[in-house]
Protein backbone atom coordinates (compact mmCIF):
# COMPACT_ATOMS: atom_id res chain seq x y z
CA MET A 1 -13.44 25.84 9.36
CA THR A 2 -13.49 27.43 12.75
CA GLN A 3 -11.98 30.80 13.52
CA ASP A 4 -8.97 29.07 15.08
CA ASP A 5 -8.53 26.64 12.20
CA PRO A 6 -5.00 27.06 10.77
CA ARG A 7 -6.25 26.35 7.25
CA THR A 8 -6.95 29.65 5.57
CA ALA A 9 -9.41 30.25 2.78
CA GLY A 10 -6.43 30.66 0.51
CA ASP A 11 -5.15 27.23 1.46
CA VAL A 12 -8.46 25.63 0.64
CA GLY A 13 -8.75 27.63 -2.55
CA GLU A 14 -5.33 26.48 -3.61
CA ARG A 15 -6.38 22.88 -3.04
CA ALA A 16 -9.60 23.53 -4.91
CA ALA A 17 -7.53 24.26 -8.00
CA ASN A 18 -6.61 20.58 -8.00
CA VAL A 19 -10.18 19.29 -7.83
CA LEU A 20 -10.75 18.45 -11.48
CA ALA A 21 -7.11 17.56 -12.04
CA PRO A 22 -5.54 16.14 -8.89
CA GLU A 23 -2.28 15.64 -10.74
CA SER A 24 -1.79 19.42 -11.10
CA SER A 25 -0.20 19.78 -7.68
CA VAL A 26 2.03 16.87 -8.57
CA PHE A 27 3.09 18.79 -11.67
CA GLU A 28 3.86 21.78 -9.48
CA ASP A 29 6.07 19.60 -7.30
CA LEU A 30 7.71 17.86 -10.20
CA ASP A 31 8.10 20.62 -12.76
CA ALA A 32 11.69 20.91 -11.61
CA ALA A 33 12.03 17.85 -13.84
CA GLY A 34 11.21 20.04 -16.85
CA PHE A 35 7.90 18.44 -17.83
CA GLY A 36 6.41 21.84 -18.65
CA ASP A 37 9.47 22.87 -20.67
CA ALA A 38 9.30 19.61 -22.60
CA ILE A 39 5.65 20.19 -23.57
CA ALA A 40 6.49 23.78 -24.53
CA LYS A 41 9.19 22.47 -26.86
CA VAL A 42 6.66 20.15 -28.47
CA VAL A 43 4.41 23.15 -29.12
CA ARG A 44 7.28 25.19 -30.57
CA ALA A 45 8.34 22.28 -32.76
CA GLY A 46 4.78 21.99 -34.06
CA LEU A 47 4.65 25.70 -34.89
CA SER A 48 7.96 25.63 -36.75
CA ASN A 49 7.12 22.42 -38.61
CA PRO A 50 3.32 22.01 -38.70
CA LEU A 51 3.36 18.97 -41.00
CA GLY A 52 3.50 16.45 -38.14
CA PRO A 53 0.68 17.98 -36.08
CA GLY A 54 -1.32 18.54 -39.28
CA LEU A 55 -1.13 14.88 -40.25
CA ALA A 56 -2.05 13.84 -36.71
CA ALA A 57 -5.06 16.21 -36.80
CA MET A 58 -6.22 14.83 -40.16
CA ARG A 59 -5.96 11.28 -38.88
CA LEU A 60 -7.88 12.23 -35.75
CA ALA A 61 -10.62 13.86 -37.80
CA THR A 62 -10.92 10.72 -39.91
CA ASP A 63 -11.06 8.53 -36.83
CA LEU A 64 -13.74 10.69 -35.19
CA ALA A 65 -15.84 10.59 -38.37
CA ARG A 66 -15.76 6.76 -38.44
CA ILE A 67 -16.54 6.23 -34.77
CA PRO A 68 -20.35 6.78 -34.92
CA LEU A 69 -20.64 4.15 -37.67
CA VAL A 70 -18.55 1.68 -35.67
CA ALA A 71 -20.62 2.22 -32.51
CA ALA A 72 -23.95 1.98 -34.33
CA SER A 73 -22.88 -1.17 -36.17
CA ALA A 74 -21.77 -2.83 -32.94
CA TRP A 75 -25.12 -1.96 -31.36
CA LEU A 76 -26.89 -3.63 -34.29
CA GLY A 77 -24.71 -6.71 -33.91
CA ARG A 78 -22.52 -6.12 -36.97
CA GLU A 79 -18.72 -6.15 -36.83
CA VAL A 80 -16.96 -3.06 -38.18
CA PRO A 81 -13.19 -2.65 -37.60
CA SER A 82 -12.37 -0.08 -34.96
CA PRO A 83 -10.39 2.96 -36.17
CA VAL A 84 -8.12 2.71 -33.12
CA PRO A 85 -6.72 -0.31 -31.28
CA VAL A 86 -8.58 -1.22 -28.09
CA ASP A 87 -6.65 -2.82 -25.25
CA PRO A 88 -8.91 -5.46 -23.67
CA LYS A 89 -6.69 -5.44 -20.54
CA ASP A 90 -7.27 -1.73 -19.80
CA ARG A 91 -9.08 -2.02 -16.47
CA ARG A 92 -10.51 1.48 -16.74
CA PHE A 93 -12.90 0.24 -19.42
CA ALA A 94 -13.88 -3.07 -17.85
CA ASP A 95 -17.58 -2.21 -17.55
CA PRO A 96 -19.62 -3.90 -20.34
CA ALA A 97 -21.26 -0.58 -21.24
CA TRP A 98 -18.04 0.54 -22.92
CA THR A 99 -18.65 -2.07 -25.64
CA THR A 100 -22.43 -2.57 -25.59
CA ASN A 101 -23.69 1.00 -25.28
CA PRO A 102 -23.11 3.03 -28.47
CA MET A 103 -22.77 6.34 -26.59
CA PHE A 104 -20.13 5.04 -24.19
CA GLN A 105 -18.38 3.13 -26.95
CA SER A 106 -18.15 6.35 -28.96
CA VAL A 107 -16.75 8.20 -25.94
CA ARG A 108 -14.15 5.51 -25.40
CA LEU A 109 -13.04 5.35 -29.03
CA SER A 110 -12.93 9.15 -29.28
CA TYR A 111 -10.71 9.28 -26.22
CA LEU A 112 -8.38 6.59 -27.58
CA ALA A 113 -8.19 8.38 -30.94
CA THR A 114 -7.31 11.63 -29.18
CA CYS A 115 -4.61 9.84 -27.19
CA ARG A 116 -3.08 8.39 -30.34
CA ALA A 117 -3.06 11.78 -32.07
CA ALA A 118 -1.49 13.55 -29.08
CA ARG A 119 1.23 10.93 -28.77
CA GLU A 120 1.94 11.18 -32.49
CA VAL A 121 2.49 14.92 -32.15
CA VAL A 122 5.06 14.29 -29.41
CA ALA A 123 6.76 11.49 -31.31
CA LYS A 124 7.08 13.57 -34.50
CA ALA A 125 8.47 16.65 -32.78
CA ASP A 126 12.17 17.19 -33.43
CA LEU A 127 13.42 16.75 -29.85
CA ASP A 128 16.42 15.21 -28.18
CA ALA A 129 15.81 11.82 -26.60
CA GLU A 130 15.58 13.05 -22.98
CA THR A 131 13.19 15.89 -23.81
CA GLU A 132 11.02 13.56 -25.87
CA ARG A 133 10.89 11.12 -22.97
CA LYS A 134 9.75 13.82 -20.56
CA ALA A 135 7.25 15.24 -23.04
CA ALA A 136 5.80 11.76 -23.59
CA ALA A 137 5.50 11.20 -19.84
CA ALA A 138 3.84 14.59 -19.32
CA MET A 139 1.46 13.97 -22.20
CA ASP A 140 0.56 10.53 -20.86
CA LEU A 141 -0.17 12.05 -17.46
CA MET A 142 -2.47 14.66 -18.98
CA LEU A 143 -4.23 12.09 -21.15
CA ASP A 144 -4.70 9.83 -18.14
CA ALA A 145 -6.21 12.79 -16.29
CA ILE A 146 -8.83 13.48 -18.97
CA ALA A 147 -9.88 9.86 -19.37
CA PRO A 148 -13.69 9.65 -19.48
CA THR A 149 -13.61 7.22 -16.55
CA ASN A 150 -12.48 10.08 -14.31
CA PHE A 151 -15.76 12.01 -14.74
CA LEU A 152 -19.16 11.03 -13.42
CA VAL A 153 -21.22 11.70 -16.57
CA THR A 154 -18.91 9.55 -18.70
CA ASN A 155 -18.35 6.69 -16.28
CA PRO A 156 -21.09 4.07 -16.68
CA ALA A 157 -19.99 2.09 -13.62
CA ALA A 158 -20.26 5.19 -11.40
CA LEU A 159 -23.66 6.10 -12.87
CA LYS A 160 -24.94 2.57 -12.33
CA ARG A 161 -23.72 2.59 -8.73
CA ALA A 162 -25.45 5.92 -8.14
CA MET A 163 -28.71 4.43 -9.42
CA ASP A 164 -28.30 1.24 -7.38
CA THR A 165 -27.62 3.17 -4.16
CA ALA A 166 -30.33 5.79 -4.71
CA GLY A 167 -27.62 8.45 -4.90
CA MET A 168 -25.90 7.52 -1.65
CA SER A 169 -22.66 6.72 -3.50
CA LEU A 170 -22.59 10.34 -4.68
CA VAL A 171 -23.11 11.56 -1.14
CA HIS A 172 -20.26 9.39 0.12
CA GLY A 173 -18.10 10.44 -2.81
CA LEU A 174 -18.71 14.10 -2.06
CA ARG A 175 -17.79 13.49 1.59
CA ASN A 176 -14.54 11.80 0.50
CA PHE A 177 -13.82 14.60 -1.95
CA VAL A 178 -14.27 17.36 0.62
CA ASP A 179 -12.17 15.49 3.16
CA ASP A 180 -9.37 15.06 0.61
CA LEU A 181 -9.68 18.67 -0.48
CA VAL A 182 -9.25 19.99 3.05
CA TYR A 183 -6.92 17.43 4.61
CA ASN A 184 -5.01 15.75 1.74
CA GLU A 185 -3.97 18.58 -0.59
CA GLY A 186 -6.85 17.80 -2.95
CA ARG A 187 -5.54 14.34 -3.83
CA PRO A 188 -7.60 11.19 -3.31
CA ARG A 189 -6.42 9.06 -0.43
CA GLN A 190 -4.85 5.77 -1.31
CA VAL A 191 -5.40 4.00 1.99
CA ASP A 192 -7.42 3.89 5.16
CA THR A 193 -4.72 3.91 7.82
CA SER A 194 -7.09 3.76 10.80
CA PRO A 195 -6.89 -0.04 11.34
CA PHE A 196 -3.11 0.05 11.56
CA GLU A 197 -0.91 0.96 14.48
CA VAL A 198 2.87 0.78 14.61
CA GLY A 199 3.84 -1.63 17.36
CA ARG A 200 0.49 -3.43 17.32
CA ASN A 201 -0.11 -4.81 13.82
CA LEU A 202 2.76 -3.09 12.00
CA ALA A 203 6.38 -3.40 13.17
CA ALA A 204 5.05 -5.88 15.71
CA THR A 205 7.78 -8.54 15.89
CA PRO A 206 8.92 -8.46 19.56
CA ALA A 207 12.10 -6.39 19.93
CA LYS A 208 14.00 -4.10 22.26
CA VAL A 209 15.85 -0.85 21.59
CA VAL A 210 19.48 -1.49 22.58
CA TYR A 211 21.18 1.61 21.19
CA ARG A 212 20.31 5.13 20.15
CA ASN A 213 22.25 8.01 18.64
CA ASP A 214 21.19 11.23 16.92
CA LEU A 215 20.59 9.39 13.64
CA MET A 216 19.18 5.97 14.42
CA GLU A 217 17.89 3.49 16.96
CA LEU A 218 19.06 -0.11 16.90
CA LEU A 219 16.48 -2.80 17.56
CA GLN A 220 17.35 -6.30 18.76
CA TYR A 221 14.65 -8.88 18.07
CA GLU A 222 13.76 -11.46 20.67
CA PRO A 223 14.66 -15.05 19.67
CA GLN A 224 11.83 -17.37 18.63
CA THR A 225 13.85 -20.57 18.27
CA GLU A 226 15.75 -22.57 20.88
CA GLN A 227 19.00 -22.13 18.99
CA VAL A 228 20.25 -19.56 16.49
CA HIS A 229 23.02 -19.40 13.94
CA ALA A 230 26.27 -17.91 15.15
CA ASN A 231 26.22 -14.97 12.75
CA PRO A 232 23.68 -12.27 13.68
CA VAL A 233 21.89 -10.35 10.93
CA LEU A 234 21.69 -6.57 10.62
CA CYS A 235 18.77 -5.22 8.57
CA SER A 236 19.77 -1.99 6.84
CA PRO A 237 16.61 -0.21 5.58
CA PRO A 238 16.32 2.87 3.40
CA TRP A 239 15.75 6.13 5.25
CA ILE A 240 13.60 7.31 2.37
CA ASN A 241 10.85 5.35 4.14
CA LYS A 242 10.31 3.94 7.63
CA TYR A 243 12.25 0.76 8.39
CA TYR A 244 9.24 -1.41 9.10
CA VAL A 245 8.64 -2.35 5.48
CA MET A 246 11.05 -5.10 6.52
CA ASP A 247 8.83 -5.90 9.53
CA LEU A 248 5.47 -5.09 8.04
CA ALA A 249 2.79 -7.24 9.65
CA PRO A 250 2.65 -10.63 11.37
CA GLY A 251 2.92 -13.28 8.67
CA ARG A 252 4.13 -10.66 6.16
CA SER A 253 7.34 -9.62 7.89
CA PHE A 254 10.73 -10.57 6.48
CA ILE A 255 12.32 -9.88 9.87
CA GLU A 256 9.82 -12.17 11.59
CA TRP A 257 10.62 -14.84 8.98
CA ALA A 258 14.35 -14.53 9.64
CA VAL A 259 13.86 -14.71 13.42
CA GLN A 260 11.68 -17.79 13.05
CA HIS A 261 14.39 -19.41 10.94
CA GLY A 262 17.07 -19.27 13.58
CA ARG A 263 18.61 -15.86 13.04
CA THR A 264 19.50 -13.25 15.66
CA VAL A 265 18.20 -10.12 13.96
CA PHE A 266 18.99 -6.46 14.56
CA ALA A 267 17.47 -3.59 12.59
CA ILE A 268 18.24 0.08 12.15
CA SER A 269 15.37 2.54 12.58
CA TYR A 270 16.43 5.95 11.27
CA LYS A 271 15.23 9.21 12.72
CA ASN A 272 12.91 11.18 10.44
CA ALA A 273 15.00 14.15 9.32
CA THR A 274 14.12 17.60 10.60
CA ARG A 275 15.15 20.97 9.18
CA GLU A 276 17.90 21.07 11.80
CA MET A 277 19.37 17.94 10.17
CA SER A 278 19.78 19.61 6.76
CA GLY A 279 23.57 19.33 6.98
CA VAL A 280 23.62 15.58 7.69
CA ARG A 281 25.70 13.86 5.03
CA MET A 282 25.80 10.36 3.62
CA ASP A 283 29.13 9.99 5.48
CA ASP A 284 27.09 10.37 8.68
CA TYR A 285 24.66 7.67 7.62
CA LEU A 286 27.56 5.28 7.01
CA LEU A 287 29.49 6.01 10.21
CA HIS A 288 26.54 6.45 12.58
CA GLY A 289 24.26 3.96 10.85
CA PRO A 290 25.60 0.53 9.80
CA GLN A 291 29.13 0.98 11.17
CA ALA A 292 27.89 2.03 14.61
CA ALA A 293 25.31 -0.78 14.53
CA LEU A 294 28.01 -3.34 13.76
CA ASP A 295 30.03 -2.16 16.78
CA VAL A 296 27.02 -2.55 19.07
CA ILE A 297 25.99 -5.93 17.65
CA GLN A 298 29.50 -7.29 18.02
CA GLU A 299 29.66 -6.19 21.65
CA ILE A 300 26.23 -7.62 22.51
CA THR A 301 26.60 -10.97 20.75
CA GLY A 302 30.37 -11.51 20.77
CA ALA A 303 30.09 -12.56 17.11
CA GLU A 304 33.14 -12.21 14.89
CA THR A 305 31.03 -12.14 11.72
CA ILE A 306 27.80 -10.25 11.05
CA ASP A 307 25.59 -10.63 7.99
CA ILE A 308 23.75 -7.62 6.54
CA VAL A 309 20.46 -7.43 4.66
CA GLY A 310 20.03 -4.10 2.86
CA LEU A 311 16.99 -2.75 1.05
CA CYS A 312 16.96 -0.17 -1.77
CA LEU A 313 19.10 2.82 -0.68
CA GLY A 314 19.86 0.88 2.49
CA GLY A 315 21.23 -1.84 0.21
CA ALA A 316 23.48 0.64 -1.55
CA LEU A 317 24.77 1.81 1.83
CA THR A 318 25.25 -1.83 2.82
CA ALA A 319 27.53 -2.45 -0.16
CA ILE A 320 29.37 0.82 0.48
CA THR A 321 29.85 -0.10 4.15
CA ASP A 322 31.30 -3.50 3.28
CA ALA A 323 33.70 -2.05 0.71
CA TYR A 324 34.63 0.75 3.10
CA LEU A 325 35.43 -1.65 5.94
CA VAL A 326 37.28 -4.16 3.76
CA GLN A 327 39.44 -1.32 2.45
CA ALA A 328 40.20 -0.54 6.10
CA ASP A 329 41.17 -4.21 6.75
CA ASP A 330 37.95 -4.76 8.72
CA SER A 331 36.50 -8.12 7.68
CA ARG A 332 33.69 -8.57 10.21
CA ILE A 333 30.88 -8.44 7.61
CA GLY A 334 29.89 -11.91 6.45
CA THR A 335 27.26 -12.28 3.74
CA LEU A 336 25.38 -9.50 2.02
CA THR A 337 21.75 -9.65 0.95
CA LEU A 338 20.76 -6.80 -1.36
CA LEU A 339 17.04 -6.37 -1.90
CA ASN A 340 15.83 -4.28 -4.86
CA THR A 341 19.13 -2.41 -4.76
CA MET A 342 20.83 -0.45 -7.52
CA LEU A 343 24.61 -0.02 -7.45
CA ASP A 344 25.00 0.91 -11.12
CA TYR A 345 22.80 3.92 -11.93
CA ALA A 346 23.52 4.04 -15.65
CA ALA A 347 19.99 2.88 -16.48
CA PRO A 348 17.71 4.00 -13.62
CA GLY A 349 14.50 3.44 -15.54
CA ALA A 350 11.60 5.86 -15.20
CA LEU A 351 13.28 7.69 -12.31
CA GLY A 352 15.87 8.91 -14.81
CA MET A 353 13.36 11.57 -15.88
CA PHE A 354 13.64 13.13 -12.41
CA THR A 355 17.38 12.66 -11.84
CA ASP A 356 19.10 14.32 -14.80
CA ARG A 357 21.63 17.05 -14.08
CA GLY A 358 19.32 20.01 -14.71
CA THR A 359 16.56 18.59 -12.53
CA VAL A 360 18.96 17.77 -9.71
CA GLU A 361 20.38 21.31 -9.78
CA LYS A 362 16.87 22.77 -9.44
CA LEU A 363 16.06 20.35 -6.65
CA GLU A 364 19.27 21.24 -4.83
CA ARG A 365 18.30 24.91 -4.79
CA ARG A 366 14.87 24.01 -3.45
CA MET A 367 16.33 21.82 -0.71
CA GLN A 368 18.76 24.54 0.30
CA ARG A 369 15.79 26.87 0.84
CA GLU A 370 13.68 24.32 2.70
CA GLY A 371 16.40 22.38 4.51
CA GLY A 372 15.41 19.03 3.03
CA LEU A 373 12.96 17.19 0.83
CA GLU A 374 9.46 16.42 2.10
CA GLY A 375 8.18 12.89 1.84
CA ALA A 376 5.08 14.12 -0.02
CA THR A 377 7.28 15.35 -2.86
CA MET A 378 8.92 11.96 -3.28
CA ALA A 379 5.55 10.24 -2.99
CA GLY A 380 4.27 12.48 -5.78
CA THR A 381 7.17 11.42 -7.97
CA PHE A 382 6.43 7.74 -7.45
CA ASP A 383 2.70 8.30 -7.99
CA VAL A 384 3.33 9.93 -11.37
CA LEU A 385 5.25 6.87 -12.52
CA ARG A 386 2.03 4.85 -12.12
CA ALA A 387 -0.62 7.56 -12.26
CA ASN A 388 -3.52 5.37 -13.31
CA ASP A 389 -2.95 2.97 -10.44
CA LEU A 390 -1.88 5.45 -7.76
CA ILE A 391 -3.90 8.59 -8.56
CA PHE A 392 -6.82 8.20 -10.93
CA ASN A 393 -7.86 4.78 -9.71
CA TYR A 394 -8.69 6.47 -6.40
CA VAL A 395 -10.40 9.42 -8.10
CA VAL A 396 -12.85 6.90 -9.50
CA SER A 397 -13.27 4.64 -6.47
CA ASN A 398 -13.25 7.30 -3.73
CA TRP A 399 -14.96 10.25 -5.38
CA LEU A 400 -17.15 8.86 -8.16
CA MET A 401 -18.08 5.48 -6.67
CA GLY A 402 -18.23 6.73 -3.07
CA GLN A 403 -16.07 3.90 -1.77
CA ASP A 404 -13.69 4.25 1.13
CA PRO A 405 -10.00 3.66 0.37
CA PRO A 406 -8.77 0.17 1.21
CA ALA A 407 -7.08 -0.76 4.47
CA PHE A 408 -3.84 -2.27 3.20
CA ASP A 409 -0.64 -2.61 5.19
CA ILE A 410 1.76 -1.75 2.36
CA LEU A 411 -0.14 1.43 1.51
CA ALA A 412 -0.35 2.34 5.19
CA TRP A 413 3.42 2.03 5.45
CA ASN A 414 3.85 4.01 2.24
CA ALA A 415 1.73 6.83 3.64
CA ASP A 416 4.05 7.05 6.67
CA SER A 417 6.51 9.17 4.70
CA THR A 418 9.85 10.63 5.75
CA ARG A 419 11.97 13.66 4.95
CA MET A 420 15.46 13.72 3.44
CA PRO A 421 18.31 15.92 4.75
CA ALA A 422 19.32 18.41 2.06
CA ALA A 423 23.07 17.70 2.10
CA MET A 424 22.67 13.93 2.02
CA HIS A 425 20.00 13.89 -0.68
CA ALA A 426 21.86 16.32 -2.93
CA PHE A 427 25.01 14.19 -2.60
CA TYR A 428 23.04 11.04 -3.36
CA LEU A 429 21.31 12.39 -6.46
CA ARG A 430 24.41 14.02 -7.92
CA ASN A 431 26.98 11.32 -7.19
CA PHE A 432 24.80 8.27 -7.77
CA TYR A 433 22.19 9.16 -10.39
CA VAL A 434 23.89 11.97 -12.30
CA ASP A 435 27.55 10.92 -12.24
CA ASN A 436 27.20 7.20 -11.38
CA LYS A 437 30.35 7.37 -9.29
CA LEU A 438 29.62 4.28 -7.21
CA ALA A 439 29.76 1.94 -10.20
CA ALA A 440 32.71 3.86 -11.65
CA GLY A 441 34.74 3.36 -8.46
CA THR A 442 35.21 7.11 -7.91
CA LEU A 443 32.74 7.74 -5.07
CA GLU A 444 34.45 9.42 -2.11
CA ILE A 445 32.76 8.95 1.23
CA ALA A 446 34.02 9.17 4.81
CA GLY A 447 37.59 9.69 3.62
CA LYS A 448 37.78 6.71 1.26
CA THR A 449 37.19 6.09 -2.43
CA ILE A 450 34.76 3.19 -2.58
CA ASP A 451 35.81 0.20 -4.68
CA LEU A 452 32.93 -2.29 -4.91
CA SER A 453 35.26 -4.96 -6.26
CA ALA A 454 36.68 -5.15 -2.74
CA ILE A 455 33.48 -6.99 -1.75
CA LYS A 456 34.36 -10.67 -1.68
CA ALA A 457 31.59 -11.88 0.63
CA PRO A 458 28.88 -14.22 -0.67
CA THR A 459 26.09 -11.98 -1.90
CA TYR A 460 22.41 -12.72 -2.40
CA VAL A 461 20.78 -10.24 -4.81
CA VAL A 462 16.99 -10.04 -5.11
CA SER A 463 15.12 -7.98 -7.67
CA ALA A 464 11.43 -7.83 -8.63
CA ILE A 465 10.08 -8.26 -12.12
CA ASN A 466 7.68 -5.28 -11.91
CA ASP A 467 9.95 -2.91 -9.98
CA HIS A 468 9.56 0.58 -11.47
CA ILE A 469 11.99 2.14 -8.98
CA VAL A 470 14.93 -0.25 -9.41
CA PRO A 471 14.61 -2.03 -12.77
CA TRP A 472 15.69 -5.62 -12.35
CA GLU A 473 18.15 -5.37 -15.23
CA SER A 474 19.91 -2.52 -13.40
CA SER A 475 19.92 -4.51 -10.18
CA TYR A 476 21.47 -7.40 -12.08
CA ARG A 477 24.52 -5.24 -12.86
CA THR A 478 25.53 -5.71 -9.23
CA THR A 479 26.71 -9.19 -10.18
CA GLY A 480 29.54 -7.67 -12.24
CA LEU A 481 30.59 -5.10 -9.64
CA VAL A 482 31.40 -7.31 -6.64
CA SER A 483 34.10 -9.97 -6.57
CA GLY A 484 32.53 -12.64 -4.37
CA PRO A 485 30.08 -15.39 -5.34
CA VAL A 486 26.62 -14.04 -6.17
CA ARG A 487 23.21 -15.70 -6.23
CA PHE A 488 20.76 -13.60 -8.26
CA VAL A 489 17.04 -14.12 -7.74
CA LEU A 490 14.23 -12.52 -9.73
CA SER A 491 11.02 -12.33 -7.71
CA SER A 492 7.38 -11.76 -8.51
CA GLY A 493 5.89 -8.41 -7.49
CA GLY A 494 7.08 -4.84 -7.60
CA HIS A 495 9.45 -2.67 -5.58
CA ILE A 496 7.66 -3.34 -2.28
CA ALA A 497 5.48 -6.38 -2.97
CA GLY A 498 8.63 -8.11 -4.22
CA ILE A 499 10.06 -7.74 -0.70
CA VAL A 500 6.86 -8.28 1.28
CA ASN A 501 6.70 -11.68 -0.36
CA PRO A 502 5.70 -14.40 2.11
CA PRO A 503 5.13 -17.92 0.79
CA SER A 504 1.82 -18.13 -1.07
CA PRO A 505 0.33 -20.01 -4.03
CA LYS A 506 0.81 -16.92 -6.22
CA ALA A 507 4.45 -16.28 -5.33
CA TRP A 508 7.25 -17.34 -7.66
CA TYR A 509 10.89 -16.59 -8.30
CA GLN A 510 13.51 -17.35 -10.92
CA VAL A 511 17.05 -18.56 -10.30
CA LEU A 512 19.70 -20.46 -12.21
CA PRO A 513 19.29 -24.21 -11.73
CA THR A 514 23.00 -24.62 -10.97
CA ASP A 515 25.68 -22.54 -9.26
CA ASP A 516 27.41 -21.75 -12.54
CA ALA A 517 28.97 -18.33 -13.08
CA LEU A 518 26.42 -15.66 -13.87
CA PRO A 519 26.41 -14.32 -17.45
CA ALA A 520 27.08 -10.62 -17.98
CA ASP A 521 23.82 -10.12 -19.91
CA PRO A 522 20.63 -10.17 -17.78
CA GLY A 523 18.66 -11.39 -20.79
CA VAL A 524 20.92 -14.40 -21.11
CA TRP A 525 20.52 -15.06 -17.39
CA ARG A 526 16.73 -14.98 -17.61
CA THR A 527 16.69 -17.37 -20.55
CA ALA A 528 18.72 -19.86 -18.53
CA ALA A 529 16.90 -19.31 -15.21
CA GLU A 530 14.16 -21.64 -14.06
CA ARG A 531 10.90 -20.52 -12.52
CA ARG A 532 10.07 -21.95 -9.11
CA SER A 533 6.83 -21.77 -7.17
CA GLY A 534 7.03 -20.18 -3.75
CA SER A 535 8.76 -17.18 -2.24
CA TRP A 536 12.39 -16.18 -2.44
CA TRP A 537 12.18 -16.00 1.38
CA GLU A 538 12.35 -19.80 1.40
CA ASP A 539 15.30 -19.84 -0.98
CA TRP A 540 17.08 -17.18 1.07
CA ALA A 541 16.54 -19.11 4.33
CA ASN A 542 18.29 -22.14 2.81
CA TRP A 543 21.12 -20.07 1.33
CA SER A 544 21.51 -18.09 4.53
CA ALA A 545 21.67 -21.19 6.71
CA ASP A 546 24.61 -22.46 4.66
CA HIS A 547 26.61 -19.28 5.32
CA SER A 548 25.62 -18.20 8.83
CA GLY A 549 27.66 -20.44 11.10
CA PRO A 550 26.73 -23.25 13.52
CA LEU A 551 23.73 -23.29 15.81
CA GLN A 552 24.15 -22.08 19.37
CA ASP A 553 22.15 -20.62 22.24
CA PRO A 554 20.68 -17.15 21.57
CA PRO A 555 22.58 -14.16 23.00
CA GLY A 556 21.01 -12.05 25.72
CA MET A 557 18.99 -8.95 24.98
CA GLY A 558 21.38 -6.04 25.17
CA SER A 559 24.47 -6.05 27.35
CA GLN A 560 25.99 -4.25 30.29
CA ARG A 561 27.50 -1.67 27.98
CA TYR A 562 24.39 -1.45 25.79
CA PRO A 563 21.41 -2.09 28.09
CA VAL A 564 17.85 -2.28 26.84
CA LEU A 565 16.51 1.27 26.43
CA GLY A 566 12.89 0.35 25.78
CA ASP A 567 10.50 -1.80 23.81
CA GLY A 568 10.49 -1.99 20.05
CA PRO A 569 9.67 -0.51 17.68
CA GLY A 570 11.21 2.42 19.53
CA THR A 571 10.64 6.16 19.38
CA TYR A 572 12.22 7.26 16.09
CA VAL A 573 9.71 5.30 14.00
CA ARG A 574 6.94 7.47 15.44
CA THR A 575 8.51 10.79 14.39
């Protein structure tokens, strides 16, 4: 550090506290969720009723006593049953040394035995269901952190790489570690963003900015077909992330796909919230986001009907906007496409641990102090949900193996985080997650009580089988909330890979083989659904073409009232 360097010794020291446990700063961010309190309750329960912890300790002692015999027998080529189950699909222990070397096999089995004992202590504590869930999640995070694969001396793959590279992997790992310590809050980087540039190989589908207000810019994409369908499409992204997940990279862009399949596409690009925007409400996002965009699109294209594609929170706002306008006798919205969207928050999956009433109240107080919620805090929440993949995997590869993080477009987009206005985010968490008012039909926004049953437009609902943010079963509940015909599609992938899902040999989706009415139970639907090779993008293009009006010449770019303001992807995406 130079004398003028804004990083103080205290800053670096604070980051240094996270060196051996990079999840500790995540805990600091997330302890509003009560993880620490939940573990404390497990400890108190064990002290008041020591039978459960005592039995777990006895079992652990027995397991540890048997492990040397098991390891020695395996080394001598004799089969002895393992005292603990071993998951052959656990990628952390993929190196052959974990099964062929008696020392490493003993380390692995001892770790697994410890994990089982710790989880038994949590399971046998007399806790309410929500506290037990949080305690189990906190315990899993700590156990993941102390896995032997996370430490050089107990990671055979890292030791072998150090030998093979004459120690250069350790030098590179130390360089990565110091860089992360100083510049990345002590957490290992997930991605090398240097090859990516917004407007060049991300958000690169040719477009113009045709409208701008204090909240969003509206992009109009240049046509790539001689004729287009009469109904333009508005892409409504979440403002929790930058819009260009819908226009990720050439060949991997849903927007590019839609443009190449005869659609006139517009997209909202929201401004990254500043502290001065702390009072911006969800009402503002509705009125100055999709509703304002619809006004502009209608004036530019002259279209009477506009389709909307909404993603995640942008999908929820899409449904709200349609219901809001229909209740105002405004029927200009045509079809809806809802991508990985939750309208019924009764079963929010793993995120429920961070969105209970007590946690939301603590978070509200924090946002009132800070004026909003930093993107890094939300990223930490999502990382904890998949800590082995999103935290400790990079501890091993970046620090122990000395490898550089991968250059991957989805991770580069994910690292381009945004901030949430305090008023909007508090409203969203309390009214959607805590009270589930949208599904109940009691959500009041922009002067109206939103009734989702007012939505009668054909709706295409996509969910992803491995989505840990919007569980597909919760997304399926949308089919019972709207009144119009619904096509439900279950895609391969997760929350983002399920959307960035171009046709490929690995892609697949499930859909009912006929247009029969959808059953109320998602399990019944999946039993009846057939699996098809390919991407849901192809299915959507066919469905969309049937609902988007006749072919005609493309409209001009902008209009006299809304002239082109500049090239896409605009200015807000860079804030």
